[in-house]
Amino acid sequence: MPYDFYYEYKTSIEGTTYRHKIIDWEVQVLYWNCQKLYGINWETKFREKIEYQFSKKDLHFLLGTQHRFPDQWLLIGLVYPPKGEFQIPLFPDP
């Protein structure tokens, strides 16, 4: 990858700001596809997906470490289901 991508966020409880490097393969593929389709304008479409479309989802981060960087928390995956109550109850009310 010619670029490193990071996600920066602030927690609502303590107000601490965190910055994690994104190593999710889907984000890397998004970069390559945007660059292939839009050339020098790749960043606009890339940011549209990462910043705008993900903000409308219930975004969750999967954090982990790697053997090479045992003390650095990395964003290894993004899970982004639609917002709302979509879980079917395990034991529905009779």
Foldseek 3Di string as FASTA:
>chain_A
DPDWDWDWDADPPPRDIDIATEPAVVLVVLQVVLCVVPPPCSVVVSCCVVPPVQVQFPKDFDWDADPVGHPGIHRHDIDTHGDDDDDDDPDDDD
